Amino acid sequence: MGEYEDAVSAILEMRPEMTRADLDALIEKKASSVGAGFLTKRGAVHLVASDLGVTFPEAAEATGDLGDLSAGAKELTVRSRVMNISPVRQFTGKDGSQGSIRTMTVYDAKGKASVKLWGEKAVMPGIDEIRPGDMVKIIKAYVKADRDGTQALNIGSGGSLERDENQESDIGGIDSLAIDAGEVGESGRNMVVRGRVEGQIGFREFTRKSDGRPGKVIQMTVRGKSGSPVRAVLWGKGRGDVPKSIPVDADVTLIGVDARTGNQGLEVHGNDATVLKVDGTNEVAGVTVRIVSRVAGQQGSMVLGMDEKRSLVFVTDAGDKLASLKPGDIAEMMPTTALGSSLTLDSGSFVRRMDDGDAKVPPLEEAWTDVKDIKAGGTYSIRAIVLKANERREIQTRSGEAVALAELYVEDKTREVWVKGWRAQADALAECKPGRVYEITGLNARPAMDDRVDLMLTPYSAIRDITGAGQAGGA
């Protein structure tokens, strides 16, 4: 029942001598005679109540009604479950004043809605103890259209939010909203997505061009039980927002993400309110890898390795623990962090060299993949001959930035493929010459036009000329 009908029922209950028809007539007369063109029926019923001496002890309560929010509604009390909640943000008002805001997403049986807590409500006692899936009561909120046109609940000085003491409800828990990563559609909003971690988990820090403020982002790939892997981009999230260990193939749940179409196809994007939930243990485990290649990086050596399952492992060696090892050597290590196939070693990490007879790691020869077996979304190392080399050139991006790009057209004994490098990697590719045979490691396979796949250099990529070494894989 809506606010209007609740008010009508209250009047008829307190004035039993009146019929519904009598009351409707009074409301219509009031709406047409007082402030004609401005007064709504919802406003008129309150004026009629005042004329009749009827007072409402408290605002009508709307429960489980998030799918029917209407702009302009006031003093709504809604019972719902929390999907996620953002950190407190500071903003500057049009008059130059400073304020605080916190955003959360809630859901019930009919829909989902954004809730904005303003000023002191953003830091009210107990709010930091609210967790995804908790039942909450939103008290005396008002409804206003958000920037994207959806209706949002707002809690200002007259409203409040509290954790509901009664956590029992027919509103399902977070798991009831979960969909498989392979089932994500282009129009998905405020989704809960489940899948398995695949490959690297990347972290990047940057400066926003709009206002010069620092930003951060986590990038990872999640594969569902069916369908293609989905790239997940979590804006406003960094290393401190994830556990020290997320094993390869760990089951994860992304709470509060939207579907977008990016350069690599369908993606899911989150923000600083998105929750990354990891199933299983968070303990860092030991890893044994065979060294494939090494390049210098800003935070230490970037070492590419191969584990016992022939999967590539990406090691940031900030403590120079692998400095004495060369390609082909085997290392047993206890990393500081292990996030997917991305490992970090620092000065306190344990590393020891192992003999071939003491480990079950495949030989170095198995680190190389035939071009015909490469699939979009994976990371590979190849041995191939350069057929054509495009000179390094500058590409103008949409933002106006000039970015270096270099490309090679190469082949092995199975197929041809383009290898591309941007920015710093473009300089390395520009040195490669047609007719020469190279080992190129740590390449990301990305979908291209006409069902092709392009190979992109990464910070872990190393290029070595092996012409005449008899190791071109038949090229």
Protein backbone atom coordinates (compact mmCIF):
# COMPACT_ATOMS: atom_id res chain seq x y z
CA MET A 1 0.00 0.00 0.00
CA GLY A 2 1.37 3.46 -0.90
CA GLU A 3 1.60 6.59 1.24
CA TYR A 4 -1.65 8.03 -0.18
CA GLU A 5 -3.75 4.94 0.55
CA ASP A 6 -2.18 4.62 4.00
CA ALA A 7 -3.30 8.19 4.79
CA VAL A 8 -6.83 7.55 3.48
CA SER A 9 -7.14 4.41 5.59
CA ALA A 10 -5.95 6.28 8.69
CA ILE A 11 -8.58 9.01 8.20
CA LEU A 12 -11.42 6.53 7.68
CA GLU A 13 -10.33 4.61 10.77
CA MET A 14 -10.38 7.76 12.93
CA ARG A 15 -13.61 9.15 11.37
CA PRO A 16 -15.81 6.04 11.00
CA GLU A 17 -18.87 8.16 10.20
CA MET A 18 -17.35 9.04 6.82
CA THR A 19 -17.54 6.87 3.71
CA ARG A 20 -14.74 6.47 1.21
CA ALA A 21 -16.83 8.35 -1.35
CA ASP A 22 -17.27 11.29 1.06
CA LEU A 23 -13.53 11.44 1.70
CA ASP A 24 -12.62 11.19 -2.00
CA ALA A 25 -14.94 14.12 -2.71
CA LEU A 26 -13.28 16.26 -0.04
CA ILE A 27 -9.82 15.41 -1.40
CA GLU A 28 -10.84 16.26 -4.99
CA LYS A 29 -12.38 19.56 -3.86
CA LYS A 30 -9.25 20.47 -1.88
CA ALA A 31 -6.92 19.60 -4.78
CA SER A 32 -8.92 21.77 -7.23
CA SER A 33 -9.49 24.77 -4.97
CA VAL A 34 -6.20 25.14 -3.10
CA GLY A 35 -3.06 25.78 -5.13
CA ALA A 36 -4.65 24.47 -8.32
CA GLY A 37 -2.05 22.96 -10.62
CA PHE A 38 0.48 22.51 -7.80
CA LEU A 39 -1.23 20.47 -5.09
CA THR A 40 -1.14 16.71 -5.64
CA LYS A 41 -3.71 14.26 -4.27
CA ARG A 42 -1.05 13.09 -1.82
CA GLY A 43 -0.68 16.65 -0.54
CA ALA A 44 -4.44 17.24 -0.54
CA VAL A 45 -5.14 14.26 1.69
CA HIS A 46 -2.89 15.74 4.37
CA LEU A 47 -4.72 19.10 4.19
CA VAL A 48 -8.09 17.32 4.45
CA ALA A 49 -6.82 15.37 7.45
CA SER A 50 -5.86 18.63 9.11
CA ASP A 51 -9.32 20.09 8.43
CA LEU A 52 -10.88 17.00 10.03
CA GLY A 53 -8.64 17.17 13.07
CA VAL A 54 -6.92 13.90 12.18
CA THR A 55 -3.21 13.59 12.92
CA PHE A 56 -0.86 10.84 11.78
CA PRO A 57 1.33 9.62 14.64
CA GLU A 58 4.09 8.61 12.26
CA ALA A 59 4.81 8.42 8.56
CA ALA A 60 3.30 5.57 6.65
CA GLU A 61 5.72 2.70 6.31
CA ALA A 62 6.60 1.28 2.89
CA THR A 63 8.13 -2.16 3.19
CA GLY A 64 9.54 -4.29 0.39
CA ASP A 65 8.72 -1.70 -2.23
CA LEU A 66 12.03 -0.77 -3.86
CA GLY A 67 10.78 -1.64 -7.33
CA ASP A 68 8.07 1.06 -7.14
CA LEU A 69 9.87 4.13 -5.83
CA SER A 70 8.45 7.40 -7.15
CA ALA A 71 10.31 10.69 -7.35
CA GLY A 72 9.21 13.17 -4.69
CA ALA A 73 8.09 10.60 -2.15
CA LYS A 74 9.04 11.58 1.39
CA GLU A 75 9.40 10.04 4.83
CA LEU A 76 9.55 6.48 3.54
CA THR A 77 10.51 3.69 5.88
CA VAL A 78 11.83 0.69 3.98
CA ARG A 79 13.04 -2.70 5.21
CA SER A 80 15.64 -4.27 2.91
CA ARG A 81 18.97 -6.10 2.69
CA VAL A 82 22.35 -4.48 2.07
CA MET A 83 24.25 -5.40 -1.08
CA ASN A 84 27.29 -3.16 -0.53
CA ILE A 85 28.35 0.13 1.02
CA SER A 86 30.99 2.64 -0.06
CA PRO A 87 33.61 4.46 2.03
CA VAL A 88 32.81 8.03 3.08
CA ARG A 89 33.52 10.61 0.37
CA GLN A 90 34.01 14.34 0.76
CA PHE A 91 32.45 16.83 -1.67
CA THR A 92 32.26 20.57 -2.22
CA GLY A 93 28.80 22.11 -2.58
CA LYS A 94 27.83 24.81 -5.07
CA ASP A 95 28.25 27.39 -2.30
CA GLY A 96 31.77 26.14 -1.53
CA SER A 97 30.79 24.32 1.65
CA GLN A 98 32.30 20.91 2.45
CA GLY A 99 30.16 17.86 3.04
CA SER A 100 30.23 14.08 3.42
CA ILE A 101 28.33 11.39 1.56
CA ARG A 102 28.20 7.62 1.62
CA THR A 103 26.38 5.41 -0.89
CA MET A 104 24.99 1.95 -0.37
CA THR A 105 22.94 -0.43 -2.52
CA VAL A 106 20.00 -2.27 -0.98
CA TYR A 107 17.53 -4.80 -2.34
CA ASP A 108 14.23 -6.46 -1.51
CA ALA A 109 11.85 -8.84 -3.25
CA LYS A 110 10.86 -6.22 -5.85
CA GLY A 111 14.09 -4.54 -6.80
CA LYS A 112 17.30 -2.73 -5.91
CA ALA A 113 17.99 0.88 -5.09
CA SER A 114 20.82 3.22 -4.29
CA VAL A 115 20.77 4.86 -0.86
CA LYS A 116 22.65 8.09 -0.20
CA LEU A 117 23.56 9.10 3.35
CA TRP A 118 24.36 12.80 3.67
CA GLY A 119 26.37 14.73 6.25
CA GLU A 120 26.44 13.23 9.73
CA LYS A 121 24.37 10.27 8.50
CA ALA A 122 27.39 9.10 6.48
CA VAL A 123 29.33 8.53 9.71
CA MET A 124 26.51 7.66 12.12
CA PRO A 125 27.44 5.22 14.92
CA GLY A 126 27.31 1.56 13.89
CA ILE A 127 27.26 2.10 10.15
CA ASP A 128 30.75 0.62 9.69
CA GLU A 129 29.53 -2.61 11.27
CA ILE A 130 26.88 -3.19 8.59
CA ARG A 131 27.82 -6.02 6.22
CA PRO A 132 26.51 -7.28 2.85
CA GLY A 133 23.38 -9.36 3.43
CA ASP A 134 22.38 -7.56 6.66
CA MET A 135 18.73 -6.55 7.06
CA VAL A 136 18.42 -2.78 7.62
CA LYS A 137 15.60 -0.33 8.18
CA ILE A 138 15.77 2.94 6.26
CA ILE A 139 13.72 5.50 8.18
CA LYS A 140 12.15 8.71 6.80
CA ALA A 141 14.04 8.75 3.51
CA TYR A 142 13.06 10.85 0.49
CA VAL A 143 13.22 9.78 -3.15
CA LYS A 144 15.08 11.75 -5.80
CA ALA A 145 16.21 10.86 -9.31
CA ASP A 146 19.91 10.01 -9.57
CA ARG A 147 22.20 11.15 -12.39
CA ASP A 148 21.43 8.04 -14.41
CA GLY A 149 17.68 8.62 -14.11
CA THR A 150 17.04 5.87 -11.54
CA GLN A 151 15.24 6.69 -8.30
CA ALA A 152 17.50 6.82 -5.23
CA LEU A 153 16.63 6.90 -1.54
CA ASN A 154 18.24 9.80 0.33
CA ILE A 155 18.78 9.99 4.07
CA GLY A 156 19.25 13.54 5.33
CA SER A 157 19.01 15.23 8.72
CA GLY A 158 15.46 14.00 9.30
CA GLY A 159 16.09 10.37 8.36
CA SER A 160 18.07 7.49 9.72
CA LEU A 161 19.33 3.98 9.00
CA GLU A 162 19.72 1.14 11.46
CA ARG A 163 20.57 -2.53 11.39
CA ASP A 164 17.33 -4.44 11.82
CA GLU A 165 17.29 -6.47 15.03
CA ASN A 166 15.10 -9.02 13.24
CA GLN A 167 17.38 -10.49 10.56
CA GLU A 168 14.73 -13.02 9.51
CA SER A 169 13.04 -12.14 6.22
CA ASP A 170 11.63 -13.60 3.03
CA ILE A 171 14.17 -11.40 1.23
CA GLY A 172 16.90 -13.84 0.14
CA GLY A 173 20.55 -13.48 1.13
CA ILE A 174 23.34 -12.28 -1.17
CA ASP A 175 23.76 -15.78 -2.64
CA SER A 176 20.19 -15.62 -3.98
CA LEU A 177 21.26 -12.79 -6.32
CA ALA A 178 24.39 -14.51 -7.66
CA ILE A 179 24.71 -15.35 -11.35
CA ASP A 180 27.46 -17.29 -13.09
CA ALA A 181 30.10 -15.17 -14.84
CA GLY A 182 29.26 -16.94 -18.10
CA GLU A 183 25.67 -15.67 -17.87
CA VAL A 184 26.45 -11.94 -17.62
CA GLY A 185 24.40 -9.93 -20.14
CA GLU A 186 25.09 -6.51 -21.66
CA SER A 187 22.33 -4.79 -19.64
CA GLY A 188 23.30 -6.14 -16.21
CA ARG A 189 23.34 -3.62 -13.34
CA ASN A 190 24.06 -4.01 -9.64
CA MET A 191 24.88 -7.67 -10.20
CA VAL A 192 26.36 -10.33 -7.95
CA VAL A 193 28.71 -12.38 -10.16
CA ARG A 194 30.40 -15.67 -9.27
CA GLY A 195 33.28 -17.38 -11.03
CA ARG A 196 36.84 -18.66 -10.80
CA VAL A 197 39.95 -16.48 -10.91
CA GLU A 198 41.93 -17.02 -14.07
CA GLY A 199 45.46 -15.71 -14.68
CA GLN A 200 46.89 -12.49 -13.28
CA ILE A 201 45.34 -10.04 -10.86
CA GLY A 202 46.67 -6.60 -11.81
CA PHE A 203 46.90 -3.39 -9.79
CA ARG A 204 47.38 0.10 -11.20
CA GLU A 205 47.60 3.56 -9.70
CA PHE A 206 47.03 6.69 -11.78
CA THR A 207 46.19 10.37 -11.66
CA ARG A 208 42.73 11.44 -12.82
CA LYS A 209 42.88 13.94 -15.67
CA SER A 210 39.60 15.56 -14.59
CA ASP A 211 40.74 16.82 -11.18
CA GLY A 212 44.30 15.59 -10.64
CA ARG A 213 43.30 13.31 -7.78
CA PRO A 214 44.98 9.90 -7.39
CA GLY A 215 43.07 6.81 -8.48
CA LYS A 216 43.54 3.06 -8.37
CA VAL A 217 42.07 0.00 -10.07
CA ILE A 218 42.16 -3.80 -9.83
CA GLN A 219 41.89 -5.87 -13.01
CA MET A 220 41.25 -9.60 -13.12
CA THR A 221 39.62 -12.30 -15.24
CA VAL A 222 36.77 -14.42 -13.90
CA ARG A 223 35.52 -17.52 -15.71
CA GLY A 224 32.11 -19.05 -15.10
CA LYS A 225 31.04 -22.65 -15.41
CA SER A 226 30.05 -21.95 -18.99
CA GLY A 227 30.82 -19.28 -21.55
CA SER A 228 33.80 -17.04 -22.17
CA PRO A 229 35.85 -15.49 -19.35
CA VAL A 230 34.76 -12.04 -18.19
CA ARG A 231 37.24 -9.27 -17.44
CA ALA A 232 36.50 -7.52 -14.13
CA VAL A 233 37.61 -3.92 -13.54
CA LEU A 234 37.20 -2.63 -9.97
CA TRP A 235 37.76 1.14 -9.82
CA GLY A 236 38.78 2.68 -6.52
CA LYS A 237 40.18 -0.64 -5.29
CA GLY A 238 43.85 -1.42 -4.56
CA ARG A 239 46.14 -3.96 -2.91
CA GLY A 240 44.84 -3.11 0.55
CA ASP A 241 41.33 -4.16 -0.48
CA VAL A 242 42.16 -7.82 -1.20
CA PRO A 243 43.66 -10.61 0.94
CA LYS A 244 47.34 -11.50 0.57
CA SER A 245 46.43 -14.75 -1.14
CA ILE A 246 43.88 -15.48 -3.85
CA PRO A 247 44.82 -18.89 -5.26
CA VAL A 248 44.62 -19.58 -8.98
CA ASP A 249 41.17 -21.08 -9.68
CA ALA A 250 39.80 -19.66 -6.40
CA ASP A 251 36.03 -19.13 -6.38
CA VAL A 252 35.21 -15.43 -6.03
CA THR A 253 32.04 -13.37 -5.75
CA LEU A 254 31.86 -9.78 -7.02
CA ILE A 255 29.04 -7.96 -5.20
CA GLY A 256 27.77 -4.83 -6.94
CA VAL A 257 29.11 -4.73 -10.52
CA ASP A 258 27.68 -3.44 -13.82
CA ALA A 259 28.13 -4.87 -17.32
CA ARG A 260 30.00 -2.81 -19.91
CA THR A 261 31.39 -3.42 -23.37
CA GLY A 262 35.12 -2.66 -23.47
CA ASN A 263 38.01 -3.14 -25.88
CA GLN A 264 38.12 -6.84 -25.01
CA GLY A 265 34.38 -7.45 -25.24
CA LEU A 266 31.93 -7.77 -22.37
CA GLU A 267 33.33 -6.68 -19.00
CA VAL A 268 32.01 -6.11 -15.48
CA HIS A 269 32.94 -2.88 -13.72
CA GLY A 270 32.78 -2.11 -10.02
CA ASN A 271 33.68 0.81 -7.76
CA ASP A 272 34.95 1.44 -4.24
CA ALA A 273 31.69 0.00 -2.84
CA THR A 274 32.07 -3.31 -4.70
CA VAL A 275 32.80 -6.28 -2.45
CA LEU A 276 35.31 -8.94 -3.58
CA LYS A 277 34.59 -12.11 -1.62
CA VAL A 278 37.09 -14.99 -1.88
CA ASP A 279 36.14 -18.54 -0.94
CA GLY A 280 38.58 -20.83 0.84
CA THR A 281 41.86 -20.12 2.62
CA ASN A 282 43.68 -16.80 2.50
CA GLU A 283 46.99 -18.33 3.56
CA VAL A 284 49.92 -17.85 1.18
CA ALA A 285 51.25 -21.20 -0.05
CA GLY A 286 54.66 -22.16 -1.40
CA VAL A 287 55.17 -22.29 -5.18
CA THR A 288 57.71 -24.08 -7.37
CA VAL A 289 58.42 -22.58 -10.79
CA ARG A 290 60.89 -22.88 -13.64
CA ILE A 291 62.28 -19.50 -14.71
CA VAL A 292 61.28 -18.60 -18.28
CA SER A 293 62.46 -14.98 -18.59
CA ARG A 294 63.35 -11.84 -16.66
CA VAL A 295 63.11 -8.11 -17.40
CA ALA A 296 63.74 -5.01 -15.31
CA GLY A 297 60.69 -3.26 -13.83
CA GLN A 298 59.94 -0.19 -11.73
CA GLN A 299 59.34 -2.23 -8.57
CA GLY A 300 62.03 -4.87 -9.17
CA SER A 301 62.68 -7.61 -11.69
CA MET A 302 59.62 -8.94 -13.54
CA VAL A 303 60.14 -12.70 -13.72
CA LEU A 304 58.03 -15.05 -15.82
CA GLY A 305 57.88 -18.61 -14.56
CA MET A 306 56.11 -21.91 -15.30
CA ASP A 307 54.60 -24.02 -12.54
CA GLU A 308 53.99 -27.76 -12.25
CA LYS A 309 50.76 -27.49 -14.27
CA ARG A 310 52.57 -25.71 -17.14
CA SER A 311 50.73 -22.49 -16.24
CA LEU A 312 52.59 -19.20 -16.48
CA VAL A 313 53.36 -17.44 -13.19
CA PHE A 314 54.18 -13.71 -12.96
CA VAL A 315 56.63 -12.79 -10.21
CA THR A 316 57.50 -9.26 -9.11
CA ASP A 317 60.89 -9.77 -7.48
CA ALA A 318 61.11 -6.60 -5.36
CA GLY A 319 63.71 -8.21 -3.08
CA ASP A 320 66.03 -9.46 -5.87
CA LYS A 321 65.63 -12.97 -4.50
CA LEU A 322 65.87 -14.58 -7.95
CA ALA A 323 68.83 -12.53 -9.20
CA SER A 324 71.19 -15.53 -9.34
CA LEU A 325 68.80 -17.72 -11.35
CA LYS A 326 68.67 -17.87 -15.14
CA PRO A 327 66.04 -19.14 -17.61
CA GLY A 328 65.61 -22.88 -17.14
CA ASP A 329 66.48 -22.87 -13.42
CA ILE A 330 63.91 -24.03 -10.85
CA ALA A 331 63.02 -22.04 -7.73
CA GLU A 332 60.93 -22.97 -4.71
CA MET A 333 59.52 -19.83 -3.11
CA MET A 334 57.23 -18.58 -0.37
CA PRO A 335 55.92 -15.28 -1.77
CA THR A 336 54.74 -12.33 0.30
CA THR A 337 51.51 -12.17 -1.68
CA ALA A 338 49.98 -14.61 -4.16
CA LEU A 339 47.06 -13.18 -6.12
CA GLY A 340 45.98 -15.47 -8.91
CA SER A 341 49.08 -16.16 -10.98
CA SER A 342 50.71 -12.90 -9.75
CA LEU A 343 53.31 -13.37 -7.00
CA THR A 344 55.36 -10.80 -5.08
CA LEU A 345 58.73 -11.44 -3.44
CA ASP A 346 60.32 -8.97 -1.02
CA SER A 347 63.45 -9.03 1.13
CA GLY A 348 61.78 -11.32 3.68
CA SER A 349 60.52 -13.93 1.19
CA PHE A 350 61.94 -17.45 1.22
CA VAL A 351 63.55 -18.70 -2.03
CA ARG A 352 65.79 -21.68 -2.77
CA ARG A 353 67.12 -23.13 -5.99
CA MET A 354 66.13 -26.73 -6.76
CA ASP A 355 67.63 -29.40 -8.98
CA ASP A 356 65.61 -30.90 -11.82
CA GLY A 357 65.45 -34.22 -10.05
CA ASP A 358 63.81 -32.66 -6.98
CA ALA A 359 60.87 -30.97 -8.77
CA LYS A 360 58.06 -32.00 -11.08
CA VAL A 361 58.14 -28.81 -13.16
CA PRO A 362 57.98 -29.38 -16.95
CA PRO A 363 61.12 -28.68 -19.00
CA LEU A 364 61.64 -25.18 -20.39
CA GLU A 365 60.77 -26.38 -23.87
CA GLU A 366 57.12 -26.74 -22.77
CA ALA A 367 56.85 -23.03 -21.96
CA TRP A 368 56.35 -22.26 -25.66
CA THR A 369 52.92 -22.43 -27.32
CA ASP A 370 52.18 -23.00 -31.02
CA VAL A 371 50.37 -20.01 -32.51
CA LYS A 372 47.48 -22.22 -33.68
CA ASP A 373 46.74 -23.15 -30.05
CA ILE A 374 46.50 -19.57 -28.79
CA LYS A 375 43.07 -18.43 -27.58
CA ALA A 376 41.84 -14.97 -26.62
CA GLY A 377 42.07 -14.24 -22.91
CA GLY A 378 45.18 -16.31 -22.21
CA THR A 379 48.85 -15.45 -21.71
CA TYR A 380 51.51 -17.17 -23.82
CA SER A 381 55.14 -17.32 -24.89
CA ILE A 382 56.09 -18.03 -28.51
CA ARG A 383 59.06 -18.70 -30.77
CA ALA A 384 58.55 -17.25 -34.25
CA ILE A 385 60.20 -15.63 -37.26
CA VAL A 386 59.43 -12.00 -38.15
CA LEU A 387 57.78 -11.68 -41.58
CA LYS A 388 57.04 -7.98 -41.44
CA ALA A 389 57.91 -5.18 -39.05
CA ASN A 390 56.08 -1.86 -38.87
CA GLU A 391 58.13 1.05 -37.65
CA ARG A 392 57.42 2.52 -34.24
CA ARG A 393 54.81 5.26 -34.62
CA GLU A 394 52.68 7.59 -32.52
CA ILE A 395 48.95 6.90 -32.15
CA GLN A 396 46.53 9.63 -31.05
CA THR A 397 44.11 8.35 -28.41
CA ARG A 398 40.58 9.66 -27.84
CA SER A 399 41.84 11.73 -24.92
CA GLY A 400 44.39 13.44 -27.17
CA GLU A 401 47.39 11.58 -25.75
CA ALA A 402 50.11 10.46 -28.20
CA VAL A 403 51.04 6.83 -27.49
CA ALA A 404 53.83 4.80 -29.13
CA LEU A 405 52.87 1.62 -31.00
CA ALA A 406 55.00 -0.97 -32.79
CA GLU A 407 53.81 -4.15 -34.55
CA LEU A 408 55.36 -7.35 -35.86
CA TYR A 409 53.80 -9.90 -38.21
CA VAL A 410 55.32 -13.25 -37.25
CA GLU A 411 54.79 -16.95 -37.86
CA ASP A 412 55.81 -20.28 -36.45
CA LYS A 413 55.33 -23.69 -38.06
CA THR A 414 51.56 -23.51 -37.42
CA ARG A 415 50.19 -20.02 -38.15
CA GLU A 416 50.84 -16.27 -38.50
CA VAL A 417 49.93 -13.65 -35.89
CA TRP A 418 50.42 -9.96 -35.12
CA VAL A 419 52.50 -9.04 -32.06
CA LYS A 420 51.95 -5.50 -30.75
CA GLY A 421 53.58 -3.34 -28.14
CA TRP A 422 52.42 -0.04 -26.66
CA ARG A 423 54.43 2.67 -24.93
CA ALA A 424 57.69 1.23 -23.47
CA GLN A 425 57.09 -2.16 -25.10
CA ALA A 426 56.96 -0.45 -28.52
CA ASP A 427 60.66 0.39 -28.25
CA ALA A 428 61.55 -3.26 -27.67
CA LEU A 429 59.55 -4.44 -30.70
CA ALA A 430 61.03 -1.73 -32.91
CA GLU A 431 64.43 -3.43 -32.60
CA CYS A 432 63.18 -6.71 -34.15
CA LYS A 433 64.11 -7.34 -37.80
CA PRO A 434 62.37 -9.31 -40.57
CA GLY A 435 63.91 -12.71 -41.18
CA ARG A 436 65.16 -13.05 -37.61
CA VAL A 437 63.78 -15.63 -35.13
CA TYR A 438 62.80 -14.51 -31.62
CA GLU A 439 61.55 -15.85 -28.31
CA ILE A 440 58.83 -13.53 -27.00
CA THR A 441 57.43 -14.25 -23.54
CA GLY A 442 54.46 -13.06 -21.47
CA LEU A 443 52.09 -12.13 -24.32
CA ASN A 444 48.39 -11.42 -23.69
CA ALA A 445 46.06 -12.79 -26.39
CA ARG A 446 43.27 -10.38 -27.27
CA PRO A 447 40.41 -10.73 -29.76
CA ALA A 448 40.83 -8.83 -33.02
CA MET A 449 38.77 -8.36 -36.18
CA ASP A 450 37.71 -11.28 -38.39
CA ASP A 451 37.95 -13.74 -35.47
CA ARG A 452 41.69 -13.17 -35.27
CA VAL A 453 43.77 -12.96 -32.11
CA ASP A 454 46.48 -10.35 -31.54
CA LEU A 455 49.34 -10.81 -29.06
CA MET A 456 50.15 -7.86 -26.79
CA LEU A 457 53.42 -7.37 -24.92
CA THR A 458 53.15 -6.95 -21.14
CA PRO A 459 55.56 -5.63 -18.48
CA TYR A 460 56.73 -9.27 -18.08
CA SER A 461 57.55 -9.71 -21.77
CA ALA A 462 61.12 -10.45 -22.79
CA ILE A 463 62.39 -10.66 -26.37
CA ARG A 464 65.46 -12.74 -27.29
CA ASP A 465 66.98 -13.24 -30.74
CA ILE A 466 67.54 -16.98 -31.23
CA THR A 467 68.26 -16.93 -34.97
CA GLY A 468 70.44 -19.89 -35.88
CA ALA A 469 69.97 -21.55 -32.49
CA GLY A 470 67.65 -24.20 -33.94
CA GLN A 471 64.88 -23.26 -31.50
CA ALA A 472 62.33 -21.60 -33.73
CA GLY A 473 59.75 -24.32 -33.34
CA GLY A 474 60.06 -25.19 -37.03
CA ALA A 475 59.78 -21.59 -38.24
